[in-house]
Amino acid sequence: MGSVVKKRRKRMAKKKHRKLLKKTRIQRRRQGK
């Protein structure tokens, strides 16, 4: 049971990371212009 929860947490972390990357990309574009 515990291992399943750990896998879910890893998946959630990956999704959060992707969202952060999108935010940083938008900020970089605004700064470049």
C-alpha atoms as a PDB file:
ATOM      1  CA  MET A   1       0.000   0.000   0.000  1.00  0.00           C
ATOM      2  CA  GLY A   2       2.738   2.474   0.953  1.00  0.00           C
ATOM      3  CA  SER A   3       4.593   2.016  -2.340  1.00  0.00           C
ATOM      4  CA  VAL A   4       1.479   3.004  -4.312  1.00  0.00           C
ATOM      5  CA  VAL A   5       1.229   6.290  -2.408  1.00  0.00           C
ATOM      6  CA  LYS A   6       4.893   7.033  -3.136  1.00  0.00           C
ATOM      7  CA  LYS A   7       4.337   6.464  -6.865  1.00  0.00           C
ATOM      8  CA  ARG A   8       1.364   8.838  -6.823  1.00  0.00           C
ATOM      9  CA  ARG A   9       3.430  11.508  -5.062  1.00  0.00           C
ATOM     10  CA  LYS A  10       6.155  11.178  -7.712  1.00  0.00           C
ATOM     11  CA  ARG A  11       3.586  11.654 -10.495  1.00  0.00           C
ATOM     12  CA  MET A  12       2.153  14.719  -8.778  1.00  0.00           C
ATOM     13  CA  ALA A  13       5.638  16.207  -8.390  1.00  0.00           C
ATOM     14  CA  LYS A  14       6.262  15.780 -12.129  1.00  0.00           C
ATOM     15  CA  LYS A  15       3.025  17.603 -12.988  1.00  0.00           C
ATOM     16  CA  LYS A  16       3.871  20.436 -10.589  1.00  0.00           C
ATOM     17  CA  HIS A  17       7.321  20.755 -12.169  1.00  0.00           C
ATOM     18  CA  ARG A  18       5.803  21.073 -15.644  1.00  0.00           C
ATOM     19  CA  LYS A  19       3.486  23.851 -14.468  1.00  0.00           C
ATOM     20  CA  LEU A  20       6.447  25.713 -12.973  1.00  0.00           C
ATOM     21  CA  LEU A  21       8.352  25.432 -16.264  1.00  0.00           C
ATOM     22  CA  LYS A  22       5.420  26.945 -18.172  1.00  0.00           C
ATOM     23  CA  LYS A  23       5.306  29.903 -15.767  1.00  0.00           C
ATOM     24  CA  THR A  24       9.049  30.539 -16.084  1.00  0.00           C
ATOM     25  CA  ARG A  25       8.844  30.389 -19.894  1.00  0.00           C
ATOM     26  CA  ILE A  26       6.150  33.088 -19.955  1.00  0.00           C
ATOM     27  CA  GLN A  27       8.206  35.286 -17.620  1.00  0.00           C
ATOM     28  CA  ARG A  28      11.322  34.878 -19.787  1.00  0.00           C
ATOM     29  CA  ARG A  29       9.402  35.905 -22.924  1.00  0.00           C
ATOM     30  CA  ARG A  30       8.104  39.072 -21.230  1.00  0.00           C
ATOM     31  CA  GLN A  31      11.585  39.954 -19.963  1.00  0.00           C
ATOM     32  CA  GLY A  32      13.104  39.385 -23.437  1.00  0.00           C
ATOM     33  CA  LYS A  33      10.669  41.788 -25.099  1.00  0.00           C
END
